[in-house]
């Protein structure tokens, strides 16, 4: 259920705040958008229980890929200044 929850949260977040995937000048940041939508897609595919037969889609749409792409998206958003992490 965790990947499905991640997919749904990212769906709602990107619907309400599409400017999250933009840089400081308001232009689309394609690497951030790619990582966010990869995490969302992997979350939906794995969350509904679908497991692709071929090894490549199985790898790219796995739960681990969902977590990895979400982590990389957070790093990218931090690097371009869209989120602040107070640790």
PDB file of N, CA and C in Angstrom:
ATOM      1  N   UNK A   1       0.803  -1.206   0.000  1.00  0.00           N
ATOM      2  CA  UNK A   1       0.000   0.000   0.000  1.00  0.00           C
ATOM      3  C   UNK A   1       0.845   1.270   0.000  1.00  0.00           C
ATOM      4  N   UNK A   2       2.091   1.172   0.465  1.00  0.00           N
ATOM      5  CA  UNK A   2       2.945   2.359   0.520  1.00  0.00           C
ATOM      6  C   UNK A   2       3.217   2.937  -0.867  1.00  0.00           C
ATOM      7  N   UNK A   3       3.592   2.121  -1.872  1.00  0.00           N
ATOM      8  CA  UNK A   3       3.807   2.713  -3.201  1.00  0.00           C
ATOM      9  C   UNK A   3       2.547   3.345  -3.781  1.00  0.00           C
ATOM     10  N   UNK A   4       1.407   2.740  -3.552  1.00  0.00           N
ATOM     11  CA  UNK A   4       0.158   3.323  -4.044  1.00  0.00           C
ATOM     12  C   UNK A   4      -0.123   4.649  -3.349  1.00  0.00           C
ATOM     13  N   UNK A   5       0.140   4.719  -2.064  1.00  0.00           N
ATOM     14  CA  UNK A   5      -0.029   5.972  -1.331  1.00  0.00           C
ATOM     15  C   UNK A   5       0.900   7.058  -1.847  1.00  0.00           C
ATOM     16  N   UNK A   6       2.142   6.682  -2.141  1.00  0.00           N
ATOM     17  CA  UNK A   6       3.096   7.647  -2.704  1.00  0.00           C
ATOM     18  C   UNK A   6       2.599   8.145  -4.052  1.00  0.00           C
ATOM     19  N   UNK A   7       2.127   7.222  -4.882  1.00  0.00           N
ATOM     20  CA  UNK A   7       1.608   7.614  -6.192  1.00  0.00           C
ATOM     21  C   UNK A   7       0.429   8.564  -6.084  1.00  0.00           C
ATOM     22  N   UNK A   8      -0.488   8.288  -5.165  1.00  0.00           N
ATOM     23  CA  UNK A   8      -1.651   9.155  -4.993  1.00  0.00           C
ATOM     24  C   UNK A   8      -1.268  10.524  -4.438  1.00  0.00           C
ATOM     25  N   UNK A   9      -0.348  10.541  -3.481  1.00  0.00           N
ATOM     26  CA  UNK A   9       0.099  11.822  -2.920  1.00  0.00           C
ATOM     27  C   UNK A   9       0.776  12.665  -3.995  1.00  0.00           C
ATOM     28  N   UNK A  10       1.632  12.042  -4.804  1.00  0.00           N
ATOM     29  CA  UNK A  10       2.302  12.788  -5.869  1.00  0.00           C
ATOM     30  C   UNK A  10       1.308  13.265  -6.924  1.00  0.00           C
ATOM     31  N   UNK A  11       0.289  12.465  -7.211  1.00  0.00           N
ATOM     32  CA  UNK A  11      -0.756  12.872  -8.155  1.00  0.00           C
ATOM     33  C   UNK A  11      -1.460  14.132  -7.667  1.00  0.00           C
ATOM     34  N   UNK A  12      -1.883  14.124  -6.419  1.00  0.00           N
ATOM     35  CA  UNK A  12      -2.584  15.282  -5.859  1.00  0.00           C
ATOM     36  C   UNK A  12      -1.639  16.477  -5.771  1.00  0.00           C
ATOM     37  N   UNK A  13      -0.413  16.239  -5.318  1.00  0.00           N
ATOM     38  CA  UNK A  13       0.553  17.324  -5.163  1.00  0.00           C
ATOM     39  C   UNK A  13       0.864  18.006  -6.489  1.00  0.00           C
ATOM     40  N   UNK A  14       1.080  17.224  -7.535  1.00  0.00           N
ATOM     41  CA  UNK A  14       1.414  17.812  -8.833  1.00  0.00           C
ATOM     42  C   UNK A  14       0.191  18.412  -9.518  1.00  0.00           C
ATOM     43  N   UNK A  15      -1.012  17.982  -9.136  1.00  0.00           N
ATOM     44  CA  UNK A  15      -2.221  18.603  -9.666  1.00  0.00           C
ATOM     45  C   UNK A  15      -2.454  19.964  -9.015  1.00  0.00           C
ATOM     46  N   UNK A  16      -2.228  20.039  -7.718  1.00  0.00           N
ATOM     47  CA  UNK A  16      -2.457  21.288  -6.996  1.00  0.00           C
ATOM     48  C   UNK A  16      -1.288  22.261  -7.157  1.00  0.00           C
ATOM     49  N   UNK A  17      -0.057  21.748  -7.092  1.00  0.00           N
ATOM     50  CA  UNK A  17       1.140  22.593  -7.142  1.00  0.00           C
ATOM     51  C   UNK A  17       2.076  22.188  -8.290  1.00  0.00           C
ATOM     52  N   UNK A  18       1.671  22.384  -9.524  1.00  0.00           N
ATOM     53  CA  UNK A  18       2.576  22.004 -10.615  1.00  0.00           C
ATOM     54  C   UNK A  18       3.839  22.862 -10.656  1.00  0.00           C
ATOM     55  N   UNK A  19       3.794  24.012  -9.996  1.00  0.00           N
ATOM     56  CA  UNK A  19       4.976  24.876  -9.967  1.00  0.00           C
ATOM     57  C   UNK A  19       6.094  24.288  -9.119  1.00  0.00           C
ATOM     58  N   UNK A  20       5.822  23.199  -8.412  1.00  0.00           N
ATOM     59  CA  UNK A  20       6.867  22.542  -7.629  1.00  0.00           C
ATOM     60  C   UNK A  20       8.001  22.047  -8.525  1.00  0.00           C
ATOM     61  N   UNK A  21       7.676  21.680  -9.740  1.00  0.00           N
ATOM     62  CA  UNK A  21       8.681  21.149 -10.675  1.00  0.00           C
ATOM     63  C   UNK A  21       9.202  22.243 -11.605  1.00  0.00           C
ATOM     64  N   UNK A  22       9.343  23.452 -11.069  1.00  0.00           N
ATOM     65  CA  UNK A  22       9.919  24.542 -11.849  1.00  0.00           C
ATOM     66  C   UNK A  22      11.163  25.056 -11.138  1.00  0.00           C
ATOM     67  N   UNK A  23      11.997  25.755 -11.889  1.00  0.00           N
ATOM     68  CA  UNK A  23      13.188  26.343 -11.273  1.00  0.00           C
ATOM     69  C   UNK A  23      12.850  27.716 -10.692  1.00  0.00           C
ATOM     70  N   UNK A  24      13.861  28.432 -10.233  1.00  0.00           N
ATOM     71  CA  UNK A  24      13.642  29.730  -9.591  1.00  0.00           C
ATOM     72  C   UNK A  24      13.075  30.775 -10.551  1.00  0.00           C
ATOM     73  N   UNK A  25      13.281  30.587 -11.848  1.00  0.00           N
ATOM     74  CA  UNK A  25      12.797  31.539 -12.847  1.00  0.00           C
ATOM     75  C   UNK A  25      11.417  31.178 -13.385  1.00  0.00           C
ATOM     76  N   UNK A  26      10.819  30.109 -12.875  1.00  0.00           N
ATOM     77  CA  UNK A  26       9.493  29.708 -13.300  1.00  0.00           C
ATOM     78  C   UNK A  26       9.459  28.798 -14.511  1.00  0.00           C
ATOM     79  N   UNK A  27      10.624  28.406 -15.006  1.00  0.00           N
ATOM     80  CA  UNK A  27      10.664  27.492 -16.153  1.00  0.00           C
ATOM     81  C   UNK A  27      10.637  26.049 -15.642  1.00  0.00           C
ATOM     82  N   UNK A  28      10.086  25.179 -16.449  1.00  0.00           N
ATOM     83  CA  UNK A  28       9.979  23.774 -16.062  1.00  0.00           C
ATOM     84  C   UNK A  28      11.352  23.166 -15.854  1.00  0.00           C
ATOM     85  N   UNK A  29      11.501  22.443 -14.754  1.00  0.00           N
ATOM     86  CA  UNK A  29      12.730  21.704 -14.487  1.00  0.00           C
ATOM     87  C   UNK A  29      12.458  20.250 -14.865  1.00  0.00           C
ATOM     88  N   UNK A  30      12.912  19.881 -16.053  1.00  0.00           N
ATOM     89  CA  UNK A  30      12.588  18.560 -16.587  1.00  0.00           C
ATOM     90  C   UNK A  30      13.161  17.400 -15.781  1.00  0.00           C
ATOM     91  N   UNK A  31      14.386  17.473 -15.262  1.00  0.00           N
ATOM     92  CA  UNK A  31      14.856  16.361 -14.427  1.00  0.00           C
ATOM     93  C   UNK A  31      13.997  16.159 -13.176  1.00  0.00           C
ATOM     94  N   UNK A  32      13.580  17.237 -12.537  1.00  0.00           N
ATOM     95  CA  UNK A  32      12.726  17.107 -11.354  1.00  0.00           C
ATOM     96  C   UNK A  32      11.374  16.504 -11.732  1.00  0.00           C
ATOM     97  N   UNK A  33      10.787  16.988 -12.820  1.00  0.00           N
ATOM     98  CA  UNK A  33       9.501  16.451 -13.258  1.00  0.00           C
ATOM     99  C   UNK A  33       9.614  14.976 -13.628  1.00  0.00           C
ATOM    100  N   UNK A  34      10.688  14.608 -14.313  1.00  0.00           N
ATOM    101  CA  UNK A  34      10.896  13.211 -14.681  1.00  0.00           C
ATOM    102  C   UNK A  34      10.959  12.326 -13.448  1.00  0.00           C
ATOM    103  N   UNK A  35      11.718  12.731 -12.451  1.00  0.00           N
ATOM    104  CA  UNK A  35      11.857  11.923 -11.243  1.00  0.00           C
ATOM    105  C   UNK A  35      10.543  11.840 -10.466  1.00  0.00           C
ATOM    106  N   UNK A  36       9.815  12.952 -10.387  1.00  0.00           N
ATOM    107  CA  UNK A  36       8.536  12.950  -9.672  1.00  0.00           C
ATOM    108  C   UNK A  36       7.535  12.026 -10.366  1.00  0.00           C
ATOM    109  N   UNK A  37       7.442  12.139 -11.684  1.00  0.00           N
ATOM    110  CA  UNK A  37       6.460  11.323 -12.398  1.00  0.00           C
ATOM    111  C   UNK A  37       6.887   9.862 -12.515  1.00  0.00           C
ATOM    112  N   UNK A  38       8.191   9.600 -12.475  1.00  0.00           N
ATOM    113  CA  UNK A  38       8.658   8.208 -12.426  1.00  0.00           C
ATOM    114  C   UNK A  38       8.247   7.586 -11.091  1.00  0.00           C
ATOM    115  N   UNK A  39       8.432   8.327  -9.987  1.00  0.00           N
ATOM    116  CA  UNK A  39       8.027   7.818  -8.682  1.00  0.00           C
ATOM    117  C   UNK A  39       6.518   7.584  -8.642  1.00  0.00           C
ATOM    118  N   UNK A  40       5.759   8.501  -9.223  1.00  0.00           N
ATOM    119  CA  UNK A  40       4.312   8.355  -9.247  1.00  0.00           C
ATOM    120  C   UNK A  40       3.900   7.129 -10.067  1.00  0.00           C
ATOM    121  N   UNK A  41       4.495   6.958 -11.234  1.00  0.00           N
ATOM    122  CA  UNK A  41       4.148   5.822 -12.092  1.00  0.00           C
ATOM    123  C   UNK A  41       4.521   4.497 -11.446  1.00  0.00           C
ATOM    124  N   UNK A  42       5.723   4.435 -10.884  1.00  0.00           N
ATOM    125  CA  UNK A  42       6.152   3.202 -10.214  1.00  0.00           C
ATOM    126  C   UNK A  42       5.260   2.915  -9.012  1.00  0.00           C
ATOM    127  N   UNK A  43       4.850   3.957  -8.312  1.00  0.00           N
ATOM    128  CA  UNK A  43       3.951   3.762  -7.176  1.00  0.00           C
ATOM    129  C   UNK A  43       2.606   3.205  -7.592  1.00  0.00           C
ATOM    130  N   UNK A  44       2.057   3.720  -8.677  1.00  0.00           N
ATOM    131  CA  UNK A  44       0.774   3.196  -9.159  1.00  0.00           C
ATOM    132  C   UNK A  44       0.897   1.751  -9.637  1.00  0.00           C
ATOM    133  N   UNK A  45       1.922   1.473 -10.428  1.00  0.00           N
ATOM    134  CA  UNK A  45       2.070   0.125 -10.989  1.00  0.00           C
ATOM    135  C   UNK A  45       2.269  -0.899  -9.882  1.00  0.00           C
ATOM    136  N   UNK A  46       3.200  -0.621  -8.964  1.00  0.00           N
ATOM    137  CA  UNK A  46       3.462  -1.576  -7.892  1.00  0.00           C
ATOM    138  C   UNK A  46       2.338  -1.574  -6.863  1.00  0.00           C
ATOM    139  N   UNK A  47       1.730  -0.418  -6.650  1.00  0.00           N
ATOM    140  CA  UNK A  47       0.689  -0.310  -5.639  1.00  0.00           C
ATOM    141  C   UNK A  47      -0.577  -1.080  -5.957  1.00  0.00           C
ATOM    142  N   UNK A  48      -0.905  -1.206  -7.232  1.00  0.00           N
ATOM    143  CA  UNK A  48      -2.099  -1.984  -7.588  1.00  0.00           C
ATOM    144  C   UNK A  48      -1.780  -3.472  -7.741  1.00  0.00           C
ATOM    145  N   UNK A  49      -0.513  -3.826  -7.582  1.00  0.00           N
ATOM    146  CA  UNK A  49      -0.128  -5.231  -7.599  1.00  0.00           C
ATOM    147  C   UNK A  49       0.325  -5.765  -8.935  1.00  0.00           C
ATOM    148  N   UNK A  50       0.493  -4.916  -9.921  1.00  0.00           N
ATOM    149  CA  UNK A  50       0.936  -5.383 -11.229  1.00  0.00           C
ATOM    150  C   UNK A  50       2.447  -5.568 -11.213  1.00  0.00           C
ATOM    151  N   UNK A  51       2.901  -6.740 -11.677  1.00  0.00           N
ATOM    152  CA  UNK A  51       4.329  -7.026 -11.780  1.00  0.00           C
ATOM    153  C   UNK A  51       4.617  -7.372 -13.240  1.00  0.00           C
ATOM    154  N   UNK A  52       5.330  -6.506 -13.962  1.00  0.00           N
ATOM    155  CA  UNK A  52       5.642  -6.791 -15.364  1.00  0.00           C
ATOM    156  C   UNK A  52       6.468  -8.065 -15.511  1.00  0.00           C
ATOM    157  N   UNK A  53       6.302  -8.749 -16.632  1.00  0.00           N
ATOM    158  CA  UNK A  53       7.035  -9.991 -16.869  1.00  0.00           C
ATOM    159  C   UNK A  53       8.467  -9.745 -17.316  1.00  0.00           C
ATOM    160  N   UNK A  54       8.680  -8.727 -18.131  1.00  0.00           N
ATOM    161  CA  UNK A  54      10.020  -8.434 -18.630  1.00  0.00           C
ATOM    162  C   UNK A  54      10.838  -7.787 -17.514  1.00  0.00           C
ATOM    163  N   UNK A  55      12.120  -8.073 -17.468  1.00  0.00           N
ATOM    164  CA  UNK A  55      12.962  -7.608 -16.367  1.00  0.00           C
ATOM    165  C   UNK A  55      13.133  -6.086 -16.321  1.00  0.00           C
ATOM    166  N   UNK A  56      13.169  -5.419 -17.488  1.00  0.00           N
ATOM    167  CA  UNK A  56      13.413  -3.982 -17.494  1.00  0.00           C
ATOM    168  C   UNK A  56      12.231  -3.189 -16.918  1.00  0.00           C
ATOM    169  N   UNK A  57      11.003  -3.406 -17.405  1.00  0.00           N
ATOM    170  CA  UNK A  57       9.891  -2.700 -16.761  1.00  0.00           C
ATOM    171  C   UNK A  57       9.705  -3.116 -15.298  1.00  0.00           C
ATOM    172  N   UNK A  58       9.993  -4.381 -14.979  1.00  0.00           N
ATOM    173  CA  UNK A  58       9.889  -4.822 -13.590  1.00  0.00           C
ATOM    174  C   UNK A  58      10.854  -4.045 -12.704  1.00  0.00           C
ATOM    175  N   UNK A  59      12.052  -3.783 -13.220  1.00  0.00           N
ATOM    176  CA  UNK A  59      13.045  -3.020 -12.468  1.00  0.00           C
ATOM    177  C   UNK A  59      12.652  -1.540 -12.375  1.00  0.00           C
ATOM    178  N   UNK A  60      12.242  -0.946 -13.497  1.00  0.00           N
ATOM    179  CA  UNK A  60      11.927   0.482 -13.528  1.00  0.00           C
ATOM    180  C   UNK A  60      10.632   0.837 -12.799  1.00  0.00           C
ATOM    181  N   UNK A  61       9.748  -0.128 -12.616  1.00  0.00           N
ATOM    182  CA  UNK A  61       8.459   0.134 -11.980  1.00  0.00           C
ATOM    183  C   UNK A  61       8.305  -0.620 -10.656  1.00  0.00           C
ATOM    184  N   UNK A  62       9.421  -0.904 -10.002  1.00  0.00           N
ATOM    185  CA  UNK A  62       9.397  -1.631  -8.736  1.00  0.00           C
ATOM    186  C   UNK A  62       9.194  -0.669  -7.575  1.00  0.00           C
ATOM    187  N   UNK A  63       8.970  -1.242  -6.419  1.00  0.00           N
ATOM    188  CA  UNK A  63       8.863  -0.426  -5.218  1.00  0.00           C
ATOM    189  C   UNK A  63      10.167   0.275  -4.892  1.00  0.00           C
ATOM    190  N   UNK A  64      11.289  -0.408  -5.148  1.00  0.00           N
ATOM    191  CA  UNK A  64      12.599   0.208  -4.916  1.00  0.00           C
ATOM    192  C   UNK A  64      12.827   1.388  -5.860  1.00  0.00           C
ATOM    193  N   UNK A  65      12.394   1.251  -7.105  1.00  0.00           N
ATOM    194  CA  UNK A  65      12.516   2.350  -8.067  1.00  0.00           C
ATOM    195  C   UNK A  65      11.654   3.529  -7.633  1.00  0.00           C
ATOM    196  N   UNK A  66      10.491   3.246  -7.061  1.00  0.00           N
ATOM    197  CA  UNK A  66       9.619   4.309  -6.561  1.00  0.00           C
ATOM    198  C   UNK A  66      10.327   5.079  -5.451  1.00  0.00           C
ATOM    199  N   UNK A  67      10.909   4.362  -4.516  1.00  0.00           N
ATOM    200  CA  UNK A  67      11.605   5.006  -3.399  1.00  0.00           C
ATOM    201  C   UNK A  67      12.840   5.755  -3.875  1.00  0.00           C
ATOM    202  N   UNK A  68      13.601   5.142  -4.774  1.00  0.00           N
ATOM    203  CA  UNK A  68      14.822   5.776  -5.269  1.00  0.00           C
ATOM    204  C   UNK A  68      14.510   7.043  -6.059  1.00  0.00           C
ATOM    205  N   UNK A  69      13.537   6.977  -6.945  1.00  0.00           N
ATOM    206  CA  UNK A  69      13.208   8.162  -7.746  1.00  0.00           C
ATOM    207  C   UNK A  69      12.598   9.260  -6.884  1.00  0.00           C
ATOM    208  N   UNK A  70      11.854   8.898  -5.849  1.00  0.00           N
ATOM    209  CA  UNK A  70      11.321   9.905  -4.936  1.00  0.00           C
ATOM    210  C   UNK A  70      12.457  10.578  -4.162  1.00  0.00           C
ATOM    211  N   UNK A  71      13.422   9.794  -3.703  1.00  0.00           N
ATOM    212  CA  UNK A  71      14.572  10.366  -2.993  1.00  0.00           C
ATOM    213  C   UNK A  71      15.383  11.275  -3.908  1.00  0.00           C
ATOM    214  N   UNK A  72      15.608  10.838  -5.138  1.00  0.00           N
ATOM    215  CA  UNK A  72      16.348  11.665  -6.090  1.00  0.00           C
ATOM    216  C   UNK A  72      15.579  12.936  -6.445  1.00  0.00           C
ATOM    217  N   UNK A  73      14.253  12.847  -6.518  1.00  0.00           N
ATOM    218  CA  UNK A  73      13.442  14.031  -6.792  1.00  0.00           C
ATOM    219  C   UNK A  73      13.557  15.027  -5.649  1.00  0.00           C
ATOM    220  N   UNK A  74      13.561  14.536  -4.415  1.00  0.00           N
ATOM    221  CA  UNK A  74      13.717  15.435  -3.272  1.00  0.00           C
ATOM    222  C   UNK A  74      15.082  16.100  -3.279  1.00  0.00           C
ATOM    223  N   UNK A  75      16.113  15.338  -3.638  1.00  0.00           N
ATOM    224  CA  UNK A  75      17.454  15.923  -3.744  1.00  0.00           C
ATOM    225  C   UNK A  75      17.478  16.974  -4.833  1.00  0.00           C
ATOM    226  N   UNK A  76      16.891  16.683  -5.983  1.00  0.00           N
ATOM    227  CA  UNK A  76      16.867  17.643  -7.092  1.00  0.00           C
ATOM    228  C   UNK A  76      16.111  18.913  -6.696  1.00  0.00           C
ATOM    229  N   UNK A  77      14.966  18.757  -6.035  1.00  0.00           N
ATOM    230  CA  UNK A  77      14.199  19.925  -5.617  1.00  0.00           C
ATOM    231  C   UNK A  77      14.958  20.743  -4.579  1.00  0.00           C
ATOM    232  N   UNK A  78      15.734  20.086  -3.740  1.00  0.00           N
ATOM    233  CA  UNK A  78      16.558  20.799  -2.776  1.00  0.00           C
ATOM    234  C   UNK A  78      17.680  21.566  -3.477  1.00  0.00           C
ATOM    235  N   UNK A  79      18.298  20.929  -4.470  1.00  0.00           N
ATOM    236  CA  UNK A  79      19.409  21.557  -5.187  1.00  0.00           C
ATOM    237  C   UNK A  79      18.947  22.798  -5.950  1.00  0.00           C
ATOM    238  N   UNK A  80      17.777  22.743  -6.556  1.00  0.00           N
ATOM    239  CA  UNK A  80      17.308  23.906  -7.322  1.00  0.00           C
ATOM    240  C   UNK A  80      16.590  24.920  -6.437  1.00  0.00           C
ATOM    241  N   UNK A  81      16.491  24.644  -5.143  1.00  0.00           N
ATOM    242  CA  UNK A  81      15.937  25.608  -4.204  1.00  0.00           C
ATOM    243  C   UNK A  81      14.431  25.610  -4.069  1.00  0.00           C
ATOM    244  N   UNK A  82      13.764  24.543  -4.486  1.00  0.00           N
ATOM    245  CA  UNK A  82      12.294  24.511  -4.390  1.00  0.00           C
ATOM    246  C   UNK A  82      11.819  24.043  -3.019  1.00  0.00           C
ATOM    247  N   UNK A  83      12.636  23.286  -2.290  1.00  0.00           N
ATOM    248  CA  UNK A  83      12.273  22.864  -0.939  1.00  0.00           C
ATOM    249  C   UNK A  83      13.467  23.116  -0.024  1.00  0.00           C
ATOM    250  N   UNK A  84      13.171  23.321   1.245  1.00  0.00           N
ATOM    251  CA  UNK A  84      14.211  23.488   2.246  1.00  0.00           C
ATOM    252  C   UNK A  84      14.086  22.336   3.237  1.00  0.00           C
ATOM    253  N   UNK A  85      15.205  21.708   3.519  1.00  0.00           N
ATOM    254  CA  UNK A  85      15.237  20.632   4.483  1.00  0.00           C
ATOM    255  C   UNK A  85      15.929  21.132   5.743  1.00  0.00           C
ATOM    256  N   UNK A  86      15.192  21.206   6.798  1.00  0.00           N
ATOM    257  CA  UNK A  86      15.759  21.643   8.062  1.00  0.00           C
ATOM    258  C   UNK A  86      16.051  20.411   8.902  1.00  0.00           C
ATOM    259  N   UNK A  87      17.310  20.017   8.914  1.00  0.00           N
ATOM    260  CA  UNK A  87      17.692  18.820   9.669  1.00  0.00           C
ATOM    261  C   UNK A  87      18.454  19.199  10.913  1.00  0.00           C
TER     262      UNK A  87
END
